[in-house]
PDB file of N, CA and C in Angstrom:
ATOM      1  N   MET A   1       0.836  -1.155   0.000  1.00  0.00           N
ATOM      2  CA  MET A   1       0.000   0.000   0.000  1.00  0.00           C
ATOM      3  C   MET A   1       0.894   1.235   0.000  1.00  0.00           C
ATOM      4  N   LYS A   2       0.740   2.081  -0.994  1.00  0.00           N
ATOM      5  CA  LYS A   2       1.511   3.319  -1.069  1.00  0.00           C
ATOM      6  C   LYS A   2       0.866   4.342  -0.151  1.00  0.00           C
ATOM      7  N   LEU A   3       1.705   4.985   0.681  1.00  0.00           N
ATOM      8  CA  LEU A   3       1.165   5.898   1.683  1.00  0.00           C
ATOM      9  C   LEU A   3       1.540   7.343   1.481  1.00  0.00           C
ATOM     10  N   GLN A   4       2.735   7.606   1.001  1.00  0.00           N
ATOM     11  CA  GLN A   4       3.250   8.972   0.968  1.00  0.00           C
ATOM     12  C   GLN A   4       3.757   9.288  -0.434  1.00  0.00           C
ATOM     13  N   PRO A   5       3.220  10.307  -1.095  1.00  0.00           N
ATOM     14  CA  PRO A   5       3.634  10.581  -2.466  1.00  0.00           C
ATOM     15  C   PRO A   5       5.029  11.154  -2.604  1.00  0.00           C
ATOM     16  N   GLU A   6       5.520  11.861  -1.606  1.00  0.00           N
ATOM     17  CA  GLU A   6       6.845  12.459  -1.708  1.00  0.00           C
ATOM     18  C   GLU A   6       7.452  12.596  -0.322  1.00  0.00           C
ATOM     19  N   ARG A   7       8.737  12.805  -0.278  1.00  0.00           N
ATOM     20  CA  ARG A   7       9.443  12.926   0.988  1.00  0.00           C
ATOM     21  C   ARG A   7       9.125  14.255   1.654  1.00  0.00           C
ATOM     22  N   ILE A   8       8.975  14.198   2.977  1.00  0.00           N
ATOM     23  CA  ILE A   8       8.820  15.395   3.781  1.00  0.00           C
ATOM     24  C   ILE A   8      10.234  15.828   4.156  1.00  0.00           C
ATOM     25  N   ASP A   9      10.676  17.022   3.746  1.00  0.00           N
ATOM     26  CA  ASP A   9      12.056  17.457   3.934  1.00  0.00           C
ATOM     27  C   ASP A   9      12.551  17.263   5.363  1.00  0.00           C
ATOM     28  N   GLY A  10      13.677  16.546   5.484  1.00  0.00           N
ATOM     29  CA  GLY A  10      14.341  16.359   6.756  1.00  0.00           C
ATOM     30  C   GLY A  10      13.690  15.362   7.689  1.00  0.00           C
ATOM     31  N   LEU A  11      12.588  14.780   7.273  1.00  0.00           N
ATOM     32  CA  LEU A  11      11.864  13.843   8.132  1.00  0.00           C
ATOM     33  C   LEU A  11      11.787  12.473   7.466  1.00  0.00           C
ATOM     34  N   ASN A  12      11.629  11.453   8.288  1.00  0.00           N
ATOM     35  CA  ASN A  12      11.424  10.108   7.766  1.00  0.00           C
ATOM     36  C   ASN A  12       9.941   9.907   7.500  1.00  0.00           C
ATOM     37  N   ALA A  13       9.609   9.476   6.303  1.00  0.00           N
ATOM     38  CA  ALA A  13       8.221   9.219   5.943  1.00  0.00           C
ATOM     39  C   ALA A  13       8.094   7.804   5.399  1.00  0.00           C
ATOM     40  N   VAL A  14       7.002   7.157   5.749  1.00  0.00           N
ATOM     41  CA  VAL A  14       6.707   5.832   5.217  1.00  0.00           C
ATOM     42  C   VAL A  14       6.100   6.027   3.838  1.00  0.00           C
ATOM     43  N   LYS A  15       6.772   5.499   2.826  1.00  0.00           N
ATOM     44  CA  LYS A  15       6.283   5.600   1.444  1.00  0.00           C
ATOM     45  C   LYS A  15       5.299   4.486   1.129  1.00  0.00           C
ATOM     46  N   ALA A  16       5.584   3.276   1.645  1.00  0.00           N
ATOM     47  CA  ALA A  16       4.728   2.118   1.381  1.00  0.00           C
ATOM     48  C   ALA A  16       4.964   1.078   2.466  1.00  0.00           C
ATOM     49  N   CYS A  17       3.941   0.258   2.694  1.00  0.00           N
ATOM     50  CA  CYS A  17       4.136  -0.849   3.636  1.00  0.00           C
ATOM     51  C   CYS A  17       3.157  -1.968   3.315  1.00  0.00           C
ATOM     52  N   ASP A  18       3.573  -3.165   3.675  1.00  0.00           N
ATOM     53  CA  ASP A  18       2.707  -4.337   3.626  1.00  0.00           C
ATOM     54  C   ASP A  18       3.154  -5.246   4.766  1.00  0.00           C
ATOM     55  N   ALA A  19       2.661  -6.453   4.803  1.00  0.00           N
ATOM     56  CA  ALA A  19       2.952  -7.348   5.922  1.00  0.00           C
ATOM     57  C   ALA A  19       4.429  -7.701   6.049  1.00  0.00           C
ATOM     58  N   HIS A  20       5.179  -7.579   4.949  1.00  0.00           N
ATOM     59  CA  HIS A  20       6.558  -8.065   4.943  1.00  0.00           C
ATOM     60  C   HIS A  20       7.616  -7.010   4.670  1.00  0.00           C
ATOM     61  N   SER A  21       7.211  -5.762   4.387  1.00  0.00           N
ATOM     62  CA  SER A  21       8.200  -4.725   4.112  1.00  0.00           C
ATOM     63  C   SER A  21       7.636  -3.335   4.385  1.00  0.00           C
ATOM     64  N   ILE A  22       8.559  -2.426   4.663  1.00  0.00           N
ATOM     65  CA  ILE A  22       8.224  -1.012   4.840  1.00  0.00           C
ATOM     66  C   ILE A  22       9.266  -0.213   4.058  1.00  0.00           C
ATOM     67  N   THR A  23       8.798   0.735   3.260  1.00  0.00           N
ATOM     68  CA  THR A  23       9.700   1.625   2.548  1.00  0.00           C
ATOM     69  C   THR A  23       9.686   2.973   3.259  1.00  0.00           C
ATOM     70  N   ILE A  24      10.882   3.373   3.723  1.00  0.00           N
ATOM     71  CA  ILE A  24      11.074   4.653   4.393  1.00  0.00           C
ATOM     72  C   ILE A  24      11.870   5.522   3.437  1.00  0.00           C
ATOM     73  N   ASN A  25      11.312   6.670   3.076  1.00  0.00           N
ATOM     74  CA  ASN A  25      11.922   7.550   2.085  1.00  0.00           C
ATOM     75  C   ASN A  25      12.204   6.733   0.822  1.00  0.00           C
ATOM     76  N   THR A  26      13.448   6.350   0.561  1.00  0.00           N
ATOM     77  CA  THR A  26      13.746   5.570  -0.647  1.00  0.00           C
ATOM     78  C   THR A  26      14.265   4.172  -0.348  1.00  0.00           C
ATOM     79  N   GLU A  27      14.312   3.772   0.929  1.00  0.00           N
ATOM     80  CA  GLU A  27      14.883   2.479   1.301  1.00  0.00           C
ATOM     81  C   GLU A  27      13.798   1.526   1.795  1.00  0.00           C
ATOM     82  N   THR A  28      13.820   0.302   1.264  1.00  0.00           N
ATOM     83  CA  THR A  28      12.859  -0.713   1.675  1.00  0.00           C
ATOM     84  C   THR A  28      13.506  -1.652   2.686  1.00  0.00           C
ATOM     85  N   TRP A  29      12.797  -1.901   3.771  1.00  0.00           N
ATOM     86  CA  TRP A  29      13.245  -2.778   4.861  1.00  0.00           C
ATOM     87  C   TRP A  29      12.356  -4.011   4.895  1.00  0.00           C
ATOM     88  N   THR A  30      12.963  -5.157   5.180  1.00  0.00           N
ATOM     89  CA  THR A  30      12.205  -6.402   5.280  1.00  0.00           C
ATOM     90  C   THR A  30      12.369  -7.054   6.651  1.00  0.00           C
ATOM     91  N   GLN A  31      12.753  -6.239   7.620  1.00  0.00           N
ATOM     92  CA  GLN A  31      12.872  -6.719   8.999  1.00  0.00           C
ATOM     93  C   GLN A  31      12.233  -5.679   9.910  1.00  0.00           C
ATOM     94  N   SER A  32      11.907  -6.091  11.107  1.00  0.00           N
ATOM     95  CA  SER A  32      11.308  -5.173  12.062  1.00  0.00           C
ATOM     96  C   SER A  32      12.259  -4.015  12.311  1.00  0.00           C
ATOM     97  N   LEU A  33      11.699  -2.819  12.477  1.00  0.00           N
ATOM     98  CA  LEU A  33      12.566  -1.652  12.558  1.00  0.00           C
ATOM     99  C   LEU A  33      12.002  -0.554  13.446  1.00  0.00           C
ATOM    100  N   VAL A  34      12.896   0.386  13.756  1.00  0.00           N
ATOM    101  CA  VAL A  34      12.580   1.575  14.543  1.00  0.00           C
ATOM    102  C   VAL A  34      12.747   2.773  13.618  1.00  0.00           C
ATOM    103  N   ILE A  35      11.689   3.589  13.541  1.00  0.00           N
ATOM    104  CA  ILE A  35      11.686   4.733  12.639  1.00  0.00           C
ATOM    105  C   ILE A  35      11.402   6.002  13.447  1.00  0.00           C
ATOM    106  N   PRO A  36      12.434   6.781  13.747  1.00  0.00           N
ATOM    107  CA  PRO A  36      12.181   8.066  14.408  1.00  0.00           C
ATOM    108  C   PRO A  36      11.705   9.088  13.380  1.00  0.00           C
ATOM    109  N   SER A  37      11.033  10.124  13.831  1.00  0.00           N
ATOM    110  CA  SER A  37      10.573  11.143  12.887  1.00  0.00           C
ATOM    111  C   SER A  37      11.749  11.815  12.190  1.00  0.00           C
ATOM    112  N   GLN A  38      12.865  11.949  12.889  1.00  0.00           N
ATOM    113  CA  GLN A  38      14.103  12.481  12.307  1.00  0.00           C
ATOM    114  C   GLN A  38      15.247  11.577  12.731  1.00  0.00           C
ATOM    115  N   GLY A  39      16.254  11.469  11.884  1.00  0.00           N
ATOM    116  CA  GLY A  39      17.420  10.673  12.254  1.00  0.00           C
ATOM    117  C   GLY A  39      17.437   9.325  11.575  1.00  0.00           C
ATOM    118  N   GLU A  40      18.288   8.476  12.091  1.00  0.00           N
ATOM    119  CA  GLU A  40      18.581   7.200  11.451  1.00  0.00           C
ATOM    120  C   GLU A  40      17.530   6.138  11.739  1.00  0.00           C
ATOM    121  N   VAL A  41      17.049   5.507  10.691  1.00  0.00           N
ATOM    122  CA  VAL A  41      16.171   4.343  10.788  1.00  0.00           C
ATOM    123  C   VAL A  41      17.070   3.143  11.053  1.00  0.00           C
ATOM    124  N   SER A  42      16.620   2.225  11.920  1.00  0.00           N
ATOM    125  CA  SER A  42      17.470   1.078  12.233  1.00  0.00           C
ATOM    126  C   SER A  42      16.641  -0.171  12.476  1.00  0.00           C
ATOM    127  N   ALA A  43      17.308  -1.321  12.313  1.00  0.00           N
ATOM    128  CA  ALA A  43      16.676  -2.594  12.634  1.00  0.00           C
ATOM    129  C   ALA A  43      16.358  -2.602  14.125  1.00  0.00           C
ATOM    130  N   TRP A  44      15.236  -3.222  14.489  1.00  0.00           N
ATOM    131  CA  TRP A  44      14.823  -3.221  15.897  1.00  0.00           C
ATOM    132  C   TRP A  44      15.464  -4.347  16.685  1.00  0.00           C
ATOM    133  N   GLY A  45      15.873  -5.425  16.026  1.00  0.00           N
ATOM    134  CA  GLY A  45      16.528  -6.525  16.732  1.00  0.00           C
ATOM    135  C   GLY A  45      15.551  -7.534  17.313  1.00  0.00           C
ATOM    136  N   VAL A  46      14.309  -7.471  16.902  1.00  0.00           N
ATOM    137  CA  VAL A  46      13.299  -8.454  17.313  1.00  0.00           C
ATOM    138  C   VAL A  46      12.409  -8.703  16.105  1.00  0.00           C
ATOM    139  N   ASN A  47      12.078  -9.946  15.863  1.00  0.00           N
ATOM    140  CA  ASN A  47      11.277 -10.253  14.685  1.00  0.00           C
ATOM    141  C   ASN A  47       9.939 -10.908  14.992  1.00  0.00           C
ATOM    142  N   ARG A  48       9.777 -11.383  16.210  1.00  0.00           N
ATOM    143  CA  ARG A  48       8.516 -12.042  16.570  1.00  0.00           C
ATOM    144  C   ARG A  48       7.925 -11.371  17.808  1.00  0.00           C
ATOM    145  N   PHE A  49       6.627 -11.225  17.813  1.00  0.00           N
ATOM    146  CA  PHE A  49       5.939 -10.610  18.943  1.00  0.00           C
ATOM    147  C   PHE A  49       6.298 -11.309  20.252  1.00  0.00           C
ATOM    148  N   ASP A  50       6.334 -12.626  20.233  1.00  0.00           N
ATOM    149  CA  ASP A  50       6.614 -13.389  21.451  1.00  0.00           C
ATOM    150  C   ASP A  50       8.033 -13.205  21.971  1.00  0.00           C
ATOM    151  N   ASP A  51       8.912 -12.635  21.168  1.00  0.00           N
ATOM    152  CA  ASP A  51      10.299 -12.407  21.588  1.00  0.00           C
ATOM    153  C   ASP A  51      10.529 -11.005  22.163  1.00  0.00           C
ATOM    154  N   LEU A  52       9.504 -10.170  22.200  1.00  0.00           N
ATOM    155  CA  LEU A  52       9.662  -8.810  22.736  1.00  0.00           C
ATOM    156  C   LEU A  52      10.061  -8.843  24.203  1.00  0.00           C
ATOM    157  N   ARG A  53      10.998  -7.982  24.553  1.00  0.00           N
ATOM    158  CA  ARG A  53      11.481  -7.845  25.926  1.00  0.00           C
ATOM    159  C   ARG A  53      11.525  -6.362  26.278  1.00  0.00           C
ATOM    160  N   ALA A  54      11.658  -6.065  27.551  1.00  0.00           N
ATOM    161  CA  ALA A  54      11.709  -4.675  28.019  1.00  0.00           C
ATOM    162  C   ALA A  54      12.838  -3.908  27.336  1.00  0.00           C
ATOM    163  N   GLU A  55      13.971  -4.553  27.093  1.00  0.00           N
ATOM    164  CA  GLU A  55      15.104  -3.843  26.486  1.00  0.00           C
ATOM    165  C   GLU A  55      14.796  -3.347  25.067  1.00  0.00           C
ATOM    166  N   HIS A  56      13.876  -4.010  24.377  1.00  0.00           N
ATOM    167  CA  HIS A  56      13.490  -3.533  23.045  1.00  0.00           C
ATOM    168  C   HIS A  56      12.796  -2.177  23.143  1.00  0.00           C
ATOM    169  N   PHE A  57      11.972  -2.004  24.153  1.00  0.00           N
ATOM    170  CA  PHE A  57      11.284  -0.727  24.344  1.00  0.00           C
ATOM    171  C   PHE A  57      12.184   0.294  25.036  1.00  0.00           C
ATOM    172  N   ASP A  58      13.053  -0.170  25.936  1.00  0.00           N
ATOM    173  CA  ASP A  58      14.001   0.737  26.604  1.00  0.00           C
ATOM    174  C   ASP A  58      14.882   1.453  25.583  1.00  0.00           C
ATOM    175  N   ARG A  59      15.227   0.768  24.516  1.00  0.00           N
ATOM    176  CA  ARG A  59      16.080   1.339  23.462  1.00  0.00           C
ATOM    177  C   ARG A  59      15.464   2.602  22.848  1.00  0.00           C
ATOM    178  N   LEU A  60      14.162   2.703  22.866  1.00  0.00           N
ATOM    179  CA  LEU A  60      13.465   3.839  22.258  1.00  0.00           C
ATOM    180  C   LEU A  60      13.643   5.130  23.063  1.00  0.00           C
ATOM    181  N   LEU A  61      14.002   5.014  24.324  1.00  0.00           N
ATOM    182  CA  LEU A  61      14.172   6.192  25.189  1.00  0.00           C
ATOM    183  C   LEU A  61      15.217   7.160  24.645  1.00  0.00           C
ATOM    184  N   ALA A  62      16.281   6.633  24.077  1.00  0.00           N
ATOM    185  CA  ALA A  62      17.369   7.477  23.567  1.00  0.00           C
ATOM    186  C   ALA A  62      16.894   8.400  22.444  1.00  0.00           C
ATOM    187  N   LEU A  63      15.795   8.052  21.794  1.00  0.00           N
ATOM    188  CA  LEU A  63      15.274   8.866  20.689  1.00  0.00           C
ATOM    189  C   LEU A  63      14.407  10.027  21.188  1.00  0.00           C
ATOM    190  N   GLU A  64      14.131  10.042  22.475  1.00  0.00           N
ATOM    191  CA  GLU A  64      13.374  11.111  23.141  1.00  0.00           C
ATOM    192  C   GLU A  64      12.043  11.438  22.459  1.00  0.00           C
ATOM    193  N   PRO A  65      11.218  10.409  22.227  1.00  0.00           N
ATOM    194  CA  PRO A  65       9.925  10.681  21.587  1.00  0.00           C
ATOM    195  C   PRO A  65       8.914  11.221  22.591  1.00  0.00           C
ATOM    196  N   GLU A  66       7.896  11.886  22.079  1.00  0.00           N
ATOM    197  CA  GLU A  66       6.754  12.216  22.924  1.00  0.00           C
ATOM    198  C   GLU A  66       5.723  11.097  22.826  1.00  0.00           C
ATOM    199  N   LEU A  67       5.816  10.308  21.746  1.00  0.00           N
ATOM    200  CA  LEU A  67       4.868   9.229  21.514  1.00  0.00           C
ATOM    201  C   LEU A  67       5.546   8.112  20.733  1.00  0.00           C
ATOM    202  N   VAL A  68       5.259   6.868  21.123  1.00  0.00           N
ATOM    203  CA  VAL A  68       5.720   5.687  20.396  1.00  0.00           C
ATOM    204  C   VAL A  68       4.496   5.015  19.793  1.00  0.00           C
ATOM    205  N   ILE A  69       4.560   4.750  18.502  1.00  0.00           N
ATOM    206  CA  ILE A  69       3.531   3.972  17.824  1.00  0.00           C
ATOM    207  C   ILE A  69       4.109   2.572  17.654  1.00  0.00           C
ATOM    208  N   PHE A  70       3.454   1.578  18.247  1.00  0.00           N
ATOM    209  CA  PHE A  70       3.907   0.197  18.148  1.00  0.00           C
ATOM    210  C   PHE A  70       3.047  -0.531  17.119  1.00  0.00           C
ATOM    211  N   GLY A  71       3.686  -1.001  16.048  1.00  0.00           N
ATOM    212  CA  GLY A  71       3.013  -1.798  15.027  1.00  0.00           C
ATOM    213  C   GLY A  71       3.224  -3.267  15.336  1.00  0.00           C
ATOM    214  N   SER A  72       2.153  -3.957  15.661  1.00  0.00           N
ATOM    215  CA  SER A  72       2.245  -5.331  16.169  1.00  0.00           C
ATOM    216  C   SER A  72       2.209  -6.413  15.096  1.00  0.00           C
ATOM    217  N   GLY A  73       2.341  -6.034  13.828  1.00  0.00           N
ATOM    218  CA  GLY A  73       2.280  -7.019  12.747  1.00  0.00           C
ATOM    219  C   GLY A  73       0.905  -6.982  12.092  1.00  0.00           C
ATOM    220  N   GLN A  74       0.513  -8.080  11.468  1.00  0.00           N
ATOM    221  CA  GLN A  74      -0.780  -8.131  10.779  1.00  0.00           C
ATOM    222  C   GLN A  74      -1.956  -8.181  11.748  1.00  0.00           C
ATOM    223  N   ARG A  75      -1.714  -8.734  12.927  1.00  0.00           N
ATOM    224  CA  ARG A  75      -2.763  -8.844  13.957  1.00  0.00           C
ATOM    225  C   ARG A  75      -2.535  -7.808  15.048  1.00  0.00           C
ATOM    226  N   MET A  76      -3.617  -7.316  15.602  1.00  0.00           N
ATOM    227  CA  MET A  76      -3.538  -6.396  16.734  1.00  0.00           C
ATOM    228  C   MET A  76      -3.217  -7.212  17.981  1.00  0.00           C
ATOM    229  N   ARG A  77      -2.052  -6.916  18.578  1.00  0.00           N
ATOM    230  CA  ARG A  77      -1.630  -7.615  19.794  1.00  0.00           C
ATOM    231  C   ARG A  77      -1.054  -6.588  20.750  1.00  0.00           C
ATOM    232  N   PHE A  78      -1.474  -6.653  21.993  1.00  0.00           N
ATOM    233  CA  PHE A  78      -1.019  -5.699  22.993  1.00  0.00           C
ATOM    234  C   PHE A  78       0.131  -6.272  23.811  1.00  0.00           C
ATOM    235  N   VAL A  79       1.140  -5.445  24.014  1.00  0.00           N
ATOM    236  CA  VAL A  79       2.317  -5.816  24.793  1.00  0.00           C
ATOM    237  C   VAL A  79       2.004  -5.637  26.271  1.00  0.00           C
ATOM    238  N   SER A  80       2.571  -6.482  27.092  1.00  0.00           N
ATOM    239  CA  SER A  80       2.425  -6.332  28.538  1.00  0.00           C
ATOM    240  C   SER A  80       2.942  -4.960  28.969  1.00  0.00           C
ATOM    241  N   PRO A  81       2.191  -4.232  29.790  1.00  0.00           N
ATOM    242  CA  PRO A  81       2.661  -2.921  30.266  1.00  0.00           C
ATOM    243  C   PRO A  81       4.024  -2.995  30.961  1.00  0.00           C
ATOM    244  N   ALA A  82       4.350  -4.118  31.555  1.00  0.00           N
ATOM    245  CA  ALA A  82       5.648  -4.257  32.234  1.00  0.00           C
ATOM    246  C   ALA A  82       6.812  -4.080  31.255  1.00  0.00           C
ATOM    247  N   LEU A  83       6.629  -4.456  30.005  1.00  0.00           N
ATOM    248  CA  LEU A  83       7.693  -4.317  29.017  1.00  0.00           C
ATOM    249  C   LEU A  83       7.924  -2.862  28.619  1.00  0.00           C
ATOM    250  N   MET A  84       6.919  -2.031  28.840  1.00  0.00           N
ATOM    251  CA  MET A  84       7.020  -0.625  28.441  1.00  0.00           C
ATOM    252  C   MET A  84       7.145   0.305  29.650  1.00  0.00           C
ATOM    253  N   ALA A  85       7.482  -0.250  30.796  1.00  0.00           N
ATOM    254  CA  ALA A  85       7.530   0.520  32.040  1.00  0.00           C
ATOM    255  C   ALA A  85       8.455   1.732  31.963  1.00  0.00           C
ATOM    256  N   ALA A  86       9.597   1.601  31.316  1.00  0.00           N
ATOM    257  CA  ALA A  86      10.543   2.729  31.225  1.00  0.00           C
ATOM    258  C   ALA A  86       9.942   3.881  30.422  1.00  0.00           C
ATOM    259  N   LEU A  87       9.192   3.563  29.378  1.00  0.00           N
ATOM    260  CA  LEU A  87       8.527   4.615  28.594  1.00  0.00           C
ATOM    261  C   LEU A  87       7.463   5.308  29.445  1.00  0.00           C
ATOM    262  N   PHE A  88       6.664   4.524  30.139  1.00  0.00           N
ATOM    263  CA  PHE A  88       5.611   5.092  30.977  1.00  0.00           C
ATOM    264  C   PHE A  88       6.196   5.955  32.094  1.00  0.00           C
ATOM    265  N   ALA A  89       7.322   5.505  32.659  1.00  0.00           N
ATOM    266  CA  ALA A  89       7.960   6.261  33.751  1.00  0.00           C
ATOM    267  C   ALA A  89       8.391   7.649  33.286  1.00  0.00           C
ATOM    268  N   ARG A  90       8.702   7.793  32.005  1.00  0.00           N
ATOM    269  CA  ARG A  90       9.099   9.104  31.454  1.00  0.00           C
ATOM    270  C   ARG A  90       7.926   9.828  30.799  1.00  0.00           C
ATOM    271  N   ARG A  91       6.738   9.307  31.023  1.00  0.00           N
ATOM    272  CA  ARG A  91       5.498   9.910  30.523  1.00  0.00           C
ATOM    273  C   ARG A  91       5.461   9.981  28.993  1.00  0.00           C
ATOM    274  N   ILE A  92       5.994   8.929  28.372  1.00  0.00           N
ATOM    275  CA  ILE A  92       5.962   8.807  26.912  1.00  0.00           C
ATOM    276  C   ILE A  92       4.755   7.941  26.563  1.00  0.00           C
ATOM    277  N   GLY A  93       3.887   8.458  25.736  1.00  0.00           N
ATOM    278  CA  GLY A  93       2.704   7.718  25.329  1.00  0.00           C
ATOM    279  C   GLY A  93       3.051   6.583  24.386  1.00  0.00           C
ATOM    280  N   VAL A  94       2.270   5.517  24.442  1.00  0.00           N
ATOM    281  CA  VAL A  94       2.438   4.374  23.550  1.00  0.00           C
ATOM    282  C   VAL A  94       1.072   4.005  22.994  1.00  0.00           C
ATOM    283  N   GLU A  95       0.992   3.924  21.679  1.00  0.00           N
ATOM    284  CA  GLU A  95      -0.230   3.484  20.999  1.00  0.00           C
ATOM    285  C   GLU A  95       0.091   2.218  20.232  1.00  0.00           C
ATOM    286  N   THR A  96      -0.790   1.244  20.321  1.00  0.00           N
ATOM    287  CA  THR A  96      -0.600  -0.035  19.648  1.00  0.00           C
ATOM    288  C   THR A  96      -1.645  -0.207  18.559  1.00  0.00           C
ATOM    289  N   MET A  97      -1.201  -0.681  17.408  1.00  0.00           N
ATOM    290  CA  MET A  97      -2.108  -0.975  16.294  1.00  0.00           C
ATOM    291  C   MET A  97      -1.404  -1.929  15.335  1.00  0.00           C
ATOM    292  N   THR A  98      -2.104  -2.405  14.335  1.00  0.00           N
ATOM    293  CA  THR A  98      -1.434  -3.244  13.339  1.00  0.00           C
ATOM    294  C   THR A  98      -0.330  -2.409  12.681  1.00  0.00           C
ATOM    295  N   THR A  99       0.630  -3.065  12.086  1.00  0.00           N
ATOM    296  CA  THR A  99       1.754  -2.333  11.489  1.00  0.00           C
ATOM    297  C   THR A  99       1.308  -1.422  10.348  1.00  0.00           C
ATOM    298  N   ILE A 100       0.386  -1.871   9.519  1.00  0.00           N
ATOM    299  CA  ILE A 100      -0.064  -1.010   8.424  1.00  0.00           C
ATOM    300  C   ILE A 100      -0.778   0.223   8.967  1.00  0.00           C
ATOM    301  N   ALA A 101      -1.633   0.064   9.953  1.00  0.00           N
ATOM    302  CA  ALA A 101      -2.303   1.218  10.574  1.00  0.00           C
ATOM    303  C   ALA A 101      -1.283   2.114  11.267  1.00  0.00           C
ATOM    304  N   ALA A 102      -0.278   1.513  11.886  1.00  0.00           N
ATOM    305  CA  ALA A 102       0.765   2.283  12.565  1.00  0.00           C
ATOM    306  C   ALA A 102       1.544   3.147  11.572  1.00  0.00           C
ATOM    307  N   CYS A 103       1.811   2.611  10.382  1.00  0.00           N
ATOM    308  CA  CYS A 103       2.522   3.381   9.355  1.00  0.00           C
ATOM    309  C   CYS A 103       1.715   4.598   8.928  1.00  0.00           C
ATOM    310  N   ARG A 104       0.420   4.423   8.724  1.00  0.00           N
ATOM    311  CA  ARG A 104      -0.435   5.556   8.344  1.00  0.00           C
ATOM    312  C   ARG A 104      -0.469   6.606   9.454  1.00  0.00           C
ATOM    313  N   THR A 105      -0.649   6.159  10.684  1.00  0.00           N
ATOM    314  CA  THR A 105      -0.722   7.081  11.821  1.00  0.00           C
ATOM    315  C   THR A 105       0.594   7.813  12.010  1.00  0.00           C
ATOM    316  N   TYR A 106       1.699   7.092  11.879  1.00  0.00           N
ATOM    317  CA  TYR A 106       3.025   7.703  11.990  1.00  0.00           C
ATOM    318  C   TYR A 106       3.170   8.859  11.001  1.00  0.00           C
ATOM    319  N   ASN A 107       2.797   8.648   9.741  1.00  0.00           N
ATOM    320  CA  ASN A 107       2.926   9.704   8.733  1.00  0.00           C
ATOM    321  C   ASN A 107       2.107  10.939   9.093  1.00  0.00           C
ATOM    322  N   VAL A 108       0.918  10.744   9.607  1.00  0.00           N
ATOM    323  CA  VAL A 108       0.093  11.887  10.017  1.00  0.00           C
ATOM    324  C   VAL A 108       0.800  12.664  11.122  1.00  0.00           C
ATOM    325  N   LEU A 109       1.324  11.957  12.116  1.00  0.00           N
ATOM    326  CA  LEU A 109       1.992  12.621  13.235  1.00  0.00           C
ATOM    327  C   LEU A 109       3.274  13.327  12.798  1.00  0.00           C
ATOM    328  N   VAL A 110       4.027  12.702  11.895  1.00  0.00           N
ATOM    329  CA  VAL A 110       5.242  13.344  11.375  1.00  0.00           C
ATOM    330  C   VAL A 110       4.875  14.629  10.634  1.00  0.00           C
ATOM    331  N   SER A 111       3.803  14.592   9.862  1.00  0.00           N
ATOM    332  CA  SER A 111       3.391  15.788   9.112  1.00  0.00           C
ATOM    333  C   SER A 111       2.964  16.925  10.038  1.00  0.00           C
ATOM    334  N   GLU A 112       2.626  16.577  11.286  1.00  0.00           N
ATOM    335  CA  GLU A 112       2.273  17.580  12.296  1.00  0.00           C
ATOM    336  C   GLU A 112       3.485  17.995  13.136  1.00  0.00           C
ATOM    337  N   ASN A 113       4.687  17.562  12.712  1.00  0.00           N
ATOM    338  CA  ASN A 113       5.940  17.859  13.410  1.00  0.00           C
ATOM    339  C   ASN A 113       5.971  17.333  14.837  1.00  0.00           C
ATOM    340  N   ARG A 114       5.379  16.182  15.055  1.00  0.00           N
ATOM    341  CA  ARG A 114       5.420  15.540  16.368  1.00  0.00           C
ATOM    342  C   ARG A 114       6.692  14.702  16.484  1.00  0.00           C
ATOM    343  N   ARG A 115       7.225  14.592  17.693  1.00  0.00           N
ATOM    344  CA  ARG A 115       8.391  13.744  17.958  1.00  0.00           C
ATOM    345  C   ARG A 115       7.883  12.325  18.204  1.00  0.00           C
ATOM    346  N   VAL A 116       7.701  11.611  17.132  1.00  0.00           N
ATOM    347  CA  VAL A 116       7.128  10.275  17.191  1.00  0.00           C
ATOM    348  C   VAL A 116       8.152   9.247  16.728  1.00  0.00           C
ATOM    349  N   VAL A 117       8.041   8.048  17.285  1.00  0.00           N
ATOM    350  CA  VAL A 117       8.866   6.925  16.858  1.00  0.00           C
ATOM    351  C   VAL A 117       7.917   5.777  16.524  1.00  0.00           C
ATOM    352  N   LEU A 118       8.142   5.170  15.372  1.00  0.00           N
ATOM    353  CA  LEU A 118       7.402   3.963  14.994  1.00  0.00           C
ATOM    354  C   LEU A 118       8.295   2.760  15.254  1.00  0.00           C
ATOM    355  N   ALA A 119       7.825   1.852  16.100  1.00  0.00           N
ATOM    356  CA  ALA A 119       8.500   0.584  16.345  1.00  0.00           C
ATOM    357  C   ALA A 119       7.620  -0.482  15.699  1.00  0.00           C
ATOM    358  N   ALA A 120       8.078  -1.032  14.587  1.00  0.00           N
ATOM    359  CA  ALA A 120       7.214  -1.869  13.749  1.00  0.00           C
ATOM    360  C   ALA A 120       7.729  -3.290  13.608  1.00  0.00           C
ATOM    361  N   LEU A 121       6.851  -4.233  13.915  1.00  0.00           N
ATOM    362  CA  LEU A 121       7.133  -5.647  13.651  1.00  0.00           C
ATOM    363  C   LEU A 121       6.634  -5.978  12.257  1.00  0.00           C
ATOM    364  N   LEU A 122       7.454  -6.700  11.528  1.00  0.00           N
ATOM    365  CA  LEU A 122       7.046  -7.218  10.224  1.00  0.00           C
ATOM    366  C   LEU A 122       6.882  -8.728  10.355  1.00  0.00           C
ATOM    367  N   ASP A 123       5.863  -9.259   9.714  1.00  0.00           N
ATOM    368  CA  ASP A 123       5.620 -10.697   9.778  1.00  0.00           C
ATOM    369  C   ASP A 123       6.593 -11.416   8.858  1.00  0.00           C
ATOM    370  N   ALA A 124       7.216 -12.423   9.420  1.00  0.00           N
ATOM    371  CA  ALA A 124       8.207 -13.197   8.657  1.00  0.00           C
ATOM    372  C   ALA A 124       7.548 -14.140   7.696  1.00  0.00           C
TER     373      ALA A 124
END
């Protein structure tokens, strides 16, 4: 599904996504990844929902988001609040949705100049 017709200057935008890939600006990724509104996109280091640990979410703190959008894959799955405790302790909001919905929501928030991070699982 194509989401963004052109790049938003200086920001990371999701151009397209499906169950197995996400295109950020001009680069297509086929593994789960972390997408800050600005800065370097990187592999998340987790590929299955059942393998999520607190350290995966703790890593997002360094990006200093005001909001984290968690894309749980093709199915809507909620993470245990204990895994996101460090984010909650810093009053960082977390929204969970399917990865495709998360990509759309992320683009809207980026276009509003929000400090958002998309943490997206891709189905293997």
